[in-house]
Amino acid sequence: MAKMSKKNPVPSPPIEAEAGMSGFIMEGMEEIYHTKGSQPINYVPKVDMYSTPEELIIEAEMAGVRKEDIDVSLFKNTVVIKAIKFECFDEKNVNYVCMERNFGKIYRTVELPFPVDTGRIKAIYKNGILTIIIPRIEDRRVKVKHIPIDSQ
């Protein structure tokens, strides 16, 4: 059975909010997901994001994480990836010689760069890579719309 380590984790530098992410959004996340005051985030996964004319694709490294321990959600124009990575061995029978892998809470937010169809988002987890596919929609804000002027 997988479990989290009971040993005190090696102190790591605090994880700061990503560039461009306002404190307001982070506070909203804490309220929605009840992360304030809980265990610290141990790992921020590496992410690749690319687009085609039809969709936006986000790929996150999640090696060693079980599919059922991953939560993907959407908050305004931000994709939120949360997970827990458990140790997969019994500490009583193990003598650590070297331990470099991270275990514990995983958290990452990705701000969406353009409008997407939130009703058709899908996520696939295969070979330690979480792939989130989000269909694009036309950005109607960039089109010029002439507004008639009435006289009174």
C-alpha atoms as a PDB file:
ATOM      1  CA  MET A   1       0.000   0.000   0.000  1.00  0.00           C
ATOM      2  CA  ALA A   2       1.311   3.440  -0.875  1.00  0.00           C
ATOM      3  CA  LYS A   3       1.822   5.985   1.878  1.00  0.00           C
ATOM      4  CA  MET A   4       3.380   9.348   2.567  1.00  0.00           C
ATOM      5  CA  SER A   5       6.637   9.485   4.479  1.00  0.00           C
ATOM      6  CA  LYS A   6       6.401  10.051   8.226  1.00  0.00           C
ATOM      7  CA  LYS A   7       9.942  11.430   8.331  1.00  0.00           C
ATOM      8  CA  ASN A   8      10.454  15.152   8.368  1.00  0.00           C
ATOM      9  CA  PRO A   9      11.032  16.316   4.803  1.00  0.00           C
ATOM     10  CA  VAL A  10      14.310  17.957   3.873  1.00  0.00           C
ATOM     11  CA  PRO A  11      13.631  21.689   3.956  1.00  0.00           C
ATOM     12  CA  SER A  12      13.228  23.125   0.498  1.00  0.00           C
ATOM     13  CA  PRO A  13      12.929  26.737  -0.546  1.00  0.00           C
ATOM     14  CA  PRO A  14       9.380  28.044  -0.328  1.00  0.00           C
ATOM     15  CA  ILE A  15       7.395  27.859  -3.536  1.00  0.00           C
ATOM     16  CA  GLU A  16       6.223  31.249  -4.716  1.00  0.00           C
ATOM     17  CA  ALA A  17       3.307  32.050  -6.982  1.00  0.00           C
ATOM     18  CA  GLU A  18       4.088  31.897 -10.684  1.00  0.00           C
ATOM     19  CA  ALA A  19       4.932  35.109 -12.486  1.00  0.00           C
ATOM     20  CA  GLY A  20       1.774  36.830 -13.647  1.00  0.00           C
ATOM     21  CA  MET A  21      -0.448  35.122 -11.072  1.00  0.00           C
ATOM     22  CA  SER A  22      -1.980  37.719  -8.817  1.00  0.00           C
ATOM     23  CA  GLY A  23      -2.347  37.327  -5.078  1.00  0.00           C
ATOM     24  CA  PHE A  24      -6.097  37.623  -5.558  1.00  0.00           C
ATOM     25  CA  ILE A  25      -6.240  34.383  -7.554  1.00  0.00           C
ATOM     26  CA  MET A  26      -4.031  32.580  -5.027  1.00  0.00           C
ATOM     27  CA  GLU A  27      -6.305  33.706  -2.182  1.00  0.00           C
ATOM     28  CA  GLY A  28      -9.311  32.465  -4.153  1.00  0.00           C
ATOM     29  CA  MET A  29      -7.623  29.106  -4.665  1.00  0.00           C
ATOM     30  CA  GLU A  30      -6.909  28.814  -0.950  1.00  0.00           C
ATOM     31  CA  GLU A  31     -10.561  29.484  -0.135  1.00  0.00           C
ATOM     32  CA  ILE A  32     -11.907  27.033  -2.714  1.00  0.00           C
ATOM     33  CA  TYR A  33      -9.441  24.208  -2.103  1.00  0.00           C
ATOM     34  CA  HIS A  34      -8.831  24.761   1.625  1.00  0.00           C
ATOM     35  CA  THR A  35      -5.040  24.793   1.197  1.00  0.00           C
ATOM     36  CA  LYS A  36      -4.392  27.615   3.657  1.00  0.00           C
ATOM     37  CA  GLY A  37      -2.562  26.379   6.729  1.00  0.00           C
ATOM     38  CA  SER A  38      -2.283  22.789   5.467  1.00  0.00           C
ATOM     39  CA  GLN A  39       0.859  20.863   4.567  1.00  0.00           C
ATOM     40  CA  PRO A  40       3.274  22.736   2.317  1.00  0.00           C
ATOM     41  CA  ILE A  41       3.512  21.990  -1.387  1.00  0.00           C
ATOM     42  CA  ASN A  42       6.477  19.684  -1.939  1.00  0.00           C
ATOM     43  CA  TYR A  43       6.706  19.752  -5.724  1.00  0.00           C
ATOM     44  CA  VAL A  44       5.720  21.903  -8.690  1.00  0.00           C
ATOM     45  CA  PRO A  45       5.630  19.722 -11.823  1.00  0.00           C
ATOM     46  CA  LYS A  46       7.315  20.817 -15.045  1.00  0.00           C
ATOM     47  CA  VAL A  47       4.789  21.772 -17.727  1.00  0.00           C
ATOM     48  CA  ASP A  48       4.883  22.082 -21.513  1.00  0.00           C
ATOM     49  CA  MET A  49       2.071  24.051 -23.142  1.00  0.00           C
ATOM     50  CA  TYR A  50       1.526  24.334 -26.882  1.00  0.00           C
ATOM     51  CA  SER A  51      -1.349  25.091 -29.216  1.00  0.00           C
ATOM     52  CA  THR A  52      -2.683  24.100 -32.588  1.00  0.00           C
ATOM     53  CA  PRO A  53      -5.358  26.006 -34.493  1.00  0.00           C
ATOM     54  CA  GLU A  54      -7.970  23.736 -32.844  1.00  0.00           C
ATOM     55  CA  GLU A  55      -6.753  23.228 -29.259  1.00  0.00           C
ATOM     56  CA  LEU A  56      -4.432  24.067 -26.394  1.00  0.00           C
ATOM     57  CA  ILE A  57      -2.422  21.159 -24.959  1.00  0.00           C
ATOM     58  CA  ILE A  58      -0.841  21.145 -21.499  1.00  0.00           C
ATOM     59  CA  GLU A  59       1.523  18.308 -20.545  1.00  0.00           C
ATOM     60  CA  ALA A  60       2.656  17.965 -16.917  1.00  0.00           C
ATOM     61  CA  GLU A  61       5.293  15.586 -15.565  1.00  0.00           C
ATOM     62  CA  MET A  62       3.644  13.480 -12.865  1.00  0.00           C
ATOM     63  CA  ALA A  63       5.987  10.461 -12.642  1.00  0.00           C
ATOM     64  CA  GLY A  64       5.154   8.115  -9.800  1.00  0.00           C
ATOM     65  CA  VAL A  65       1.695   9.591  -9.151  1.00  0.00           C
ATOM     66  CA  ARG A  66      -1.360   7.332  -9.330  1.00  0.00           C
ATOM     67  CA  LYS A  67      -4.193   8.496 -11.595  1.00  0.00           C
ATOM     68  CA  GLU A  68      -6.696   8.446  -8.731  1.00  0.00           C
ATOM     69  CA  ASP A  69      -4.499  10.857  -6.728  1.00  0.00           C
ATOM     70  CA  ILE A  70      -4.609  13.589  -9.417  1.00  0.00           C
ATOM     71  CA  ASP A  71      -7.188  16.392  -9.455  1.00  0.00           C
ATOM     72  CA  VAL A  72      -7.524  18.740 -12.437  1.00  0.00           C
ATOM     73  CA  SER A  73      -9.922  21.674 -12.248  1.00  0.00           C
ATOM     74  CA  LEU A  74     -10.614  25.006 -13.898  1.00  0.00           C
ATOM     75  CA  PHE A  75     -10.917  28.285 -11.982  1.00  0.00           C
ATOM     76  CA  LYS A  76     -11.763  31.299 -14.177  1.00  0.00           C
ATOM     77  CA  ASN A  77      -9.003  31.278 -16.833  1.00  0.00           C
ATOM     78  CA  THR A  78      -6.605  29.057 -14.873  1.00  0.00           C
ATOM     79  CA  VAL A  79      -6.110  25.275 -14.945  1.00  0.00           C
ATOM     80  CA  VAL A  80      -5.294  23.905 -11.484  1.00  0.00           C
ATOM     81  CA  ILE A  81      -3.388  20.618 -11.133  1.00  0.00           C
ATOM     82  CA  LYS A  82      -3.238  19.074  -7.660  1.00  0.00           C
ATOM     83  CA  ALA A  83      -1.965  15.650  -6.634  1.00  0.00           C
ATOM     84  CA  ILE A  84      -0.376  13.673  -3.856  1.00  0.00           C
ATOM     85  CA  LYS A  85       2.646  11.489  -4.509  1.00  0.00           C
ATOM     86  CA  PHE A  86       3.044   8.658  -2.025  1.00  0.00           C
ATOM     87  CA  GLU A  87       6.089   6.585  -1.171  1.00  0.00           C
ATOM     88  CA  CYS A  88       5.651   3.031  -2.404  1.00  0.00           C
ATOM     89  CA  PHE A  89       7.656   1.047   0.144  1.00  0.00           C
ATOM     90  CA  ASP A  90       7.515   0.176   3.828  1.00  0.00           C
ATOM     91  CA  GLU A  91       9.861   2.388   5.867  1.00  0.00           C
ATOM     92  CA  LYS A  92      10.443  -0.333   8.477  1.00  0.00           C
ATOM     93  CA  ASN A  93      12.276  -2.510   5.953  1.00  0.00           C
ATOM     94  CA  VAL A  94      14.185   0.263   4.160  1.00  0.00           C
ATOM     95  CA  ASN A  95      17.475   1.925   5.007  1.00  0.00           C
ATOM     96  CA  TYR A  96      17.844   5.039   2.868  1.00  0.00           C
ATOM     97  CA  VAL A  97      21.194   5.309   1.134  1.00  0.00           C
ATOM     98  CA  CYS A  98      20.089   8.182  -1.070  1.00  0.00           C
ATOM     99  CA  MET A  99      16.627   9.737  -1.430  1.00  0.00           C
ATOM    100  CA  GLU A 100      16.263  12.417  -4.111  1.00  0.00           C
ATOM    101  CA  ARG A 101      12.661  11.964  -5.261  1.00  0.00           C
ATOM    102  CA  ASN A 102       9.976  14.225  -3.834  1.00  0.00           C
ATOM    103  CA  PHE A 103       6.885  12.896  -2.107  1.00  0.00           C
ATOM    104  CA  GLY A 104       3.905  14.797  -0.805  1.00  0.00           C
ATOM    105  CA  LYS A 105       1.668  17.502  -2.230  1.00  0.00           C
ATOM    106  CA  ILE A 106       1.982  18.546  -5.867  1.00  0.00           C
ATOM    107  CA  TYR A 107       0.421  21.796  -7.073  1.00  0.00           C
ATOM    108  CA  ARG A 108       0.596  23.756 -10.319  1.00  0.00           C
ATOM    109  CA  THR A 109      -1.517  26.435 -11.949  1.00  0.00           C
ATOM    110  CA  VAL A 110      -1.440  27.293 -15.641  1.00  0.00           C
ATOM    111  CA  GLU A 111      -3.032  30.487 -16.904  1.00  0.00           C
ATOM    112  CA  LEU A 112      -4.863  30.050 -20.209  1.00  0.00           C
ATOM    113  CA  PRO A 113      -3.548  32.473 -22.860  1.00  0.00           C
ATOM    114  CA  PHE A 114      -6.742  32.681 -24.946  1.00  0.00           C
ATOM    115  CA  PRO A 115     -10.453  31.722 -24.834  1.00  0.00           C
ATOM    116  CA  VAL A 116     -11.201  27.987 -24.676  1.00  0.00           C
ATOM    117  CA  ASP A 117     -14.246  25.725 -24.714  1.00  0.00           C
ATOM    118  CA  THR A 118     -14.461  24.732 -21.044  1.00  0.00           C
ATOM    119  CA  GLY A 119     -17.245  22.248 -21.734  1.00  0.00           C
ATOM    120  CA  ARG A 120     -15.031  19.948 -23.813  1.00  0.00           C
ATOM    121  CA  ILE A 121     -11.814  19.762 -21.750  1.00  0.00           C
ATOM    122  CA  LYS A 122     -10.336  16.287 -21.368  1.00  0.00           C
ATOM    123  CA  ALA A 123      -7.371  14.916 -19.435  1.00  0.00           C
ATOM    124  CA  ILE A 124      -5.342  11.781 -20.150  1.00  0.00           C
ATOM    125  CA  TYR A 125      -2.727  10.236 -17.856  1.00  0.00           C
ATOM    126  CA  LYS A 126      -0.213   7.887 -19.466  1.00  0.00           C
ATOM    127  CA  ASN A 127       3.408   6.943 -18.683  1.00  0.00           C
ATOM    128  CA  GLY A 128       3.772   9.603 -15.980  1.00  0.00           C
ATOM    129  CA  ILE A 129       2.574  12.469 -18.197  1.00  0.00           C
ATOM    130  CA  LEU A 130      -0.735  14.227 -17.568  1.00  0.00           C
ATOM    131  CA  THR A 131      -2.047  15.641 -20.869  1.00  0.00           C
ATOM    132  CA  ILE A 132      -4.860  18.197 -20.724  1.00  0.00           C
ATOM    133  CA  ILE A 133      -6.513  18.951 -24.073  1.00  0.00           C
ATOM    134  CA  ILE A 134      -8.635  22.102 -24.260  1.00  0.00           C
ATOM    135  CA  PRO A 135     -10.465  23.054 -27.475  1.00  0.00           C
ATOM    136  CA  ARG A 136      -9.990  26.659 -28.575  1.00  0.00           C
ATOM    137  CA  ILE A 137     -12.854  28.979 -29.404  1.00  0.00           C
ATOM    138  CA  GLU A 138     -12.887  32.159 -31.424  1.00  0.00           C
ATOM    139  CA  ASP A 139     -11.975  35.240 -29.432  1.00  0.00           C
ATOM    140  CA  ARG A 140     -14.819  37.619 -30.176  1.00  0.00           C
ATOM    141  CA  ARG A 141     -13.214  40.453 -28.240  1.00  0.00           C
ATOM    142  CA  VAL A 142     -10.701  41.145 -31.013  1.00  0.00           C
ATOM    143  CA  LYS A 143     -13.302  41.637 -33.745  1.00  0.00           C
ATOM    144  CA  VAL A 144     -14.369  45.161 -34.529  1.00  0.00           C
ATOM    145  CA  LYS A 145     -18.041  45.750 -33.936  1.00  0.00           C
ATOM    146  CA  HIS A 146     -19.473  49.041 -35.098  1.00  0.00           C
ATOM    147  CA  ILE A 147     -22.021  50.485 -32.734  1.00  0.00           C
ATOM    148  CA  PRO A 148     -24.739  52.696 -34.167  1.00  0.00           C
ATOM    149  CA  ILE A 149     -25.137  56.107 -32.574  1.00  0.00           C
ATOM    150  CA  ASP A 150     -28.668  57.238 -31.850  1.00  0.00           C
ATOM    151  CA  SER A 151     -29.692  60.860 -31.587  1.00  0.00           C
ATOM    152  CA  GLN A 152     -32.093  61.935 -28.870  1.00  0.00           C
END
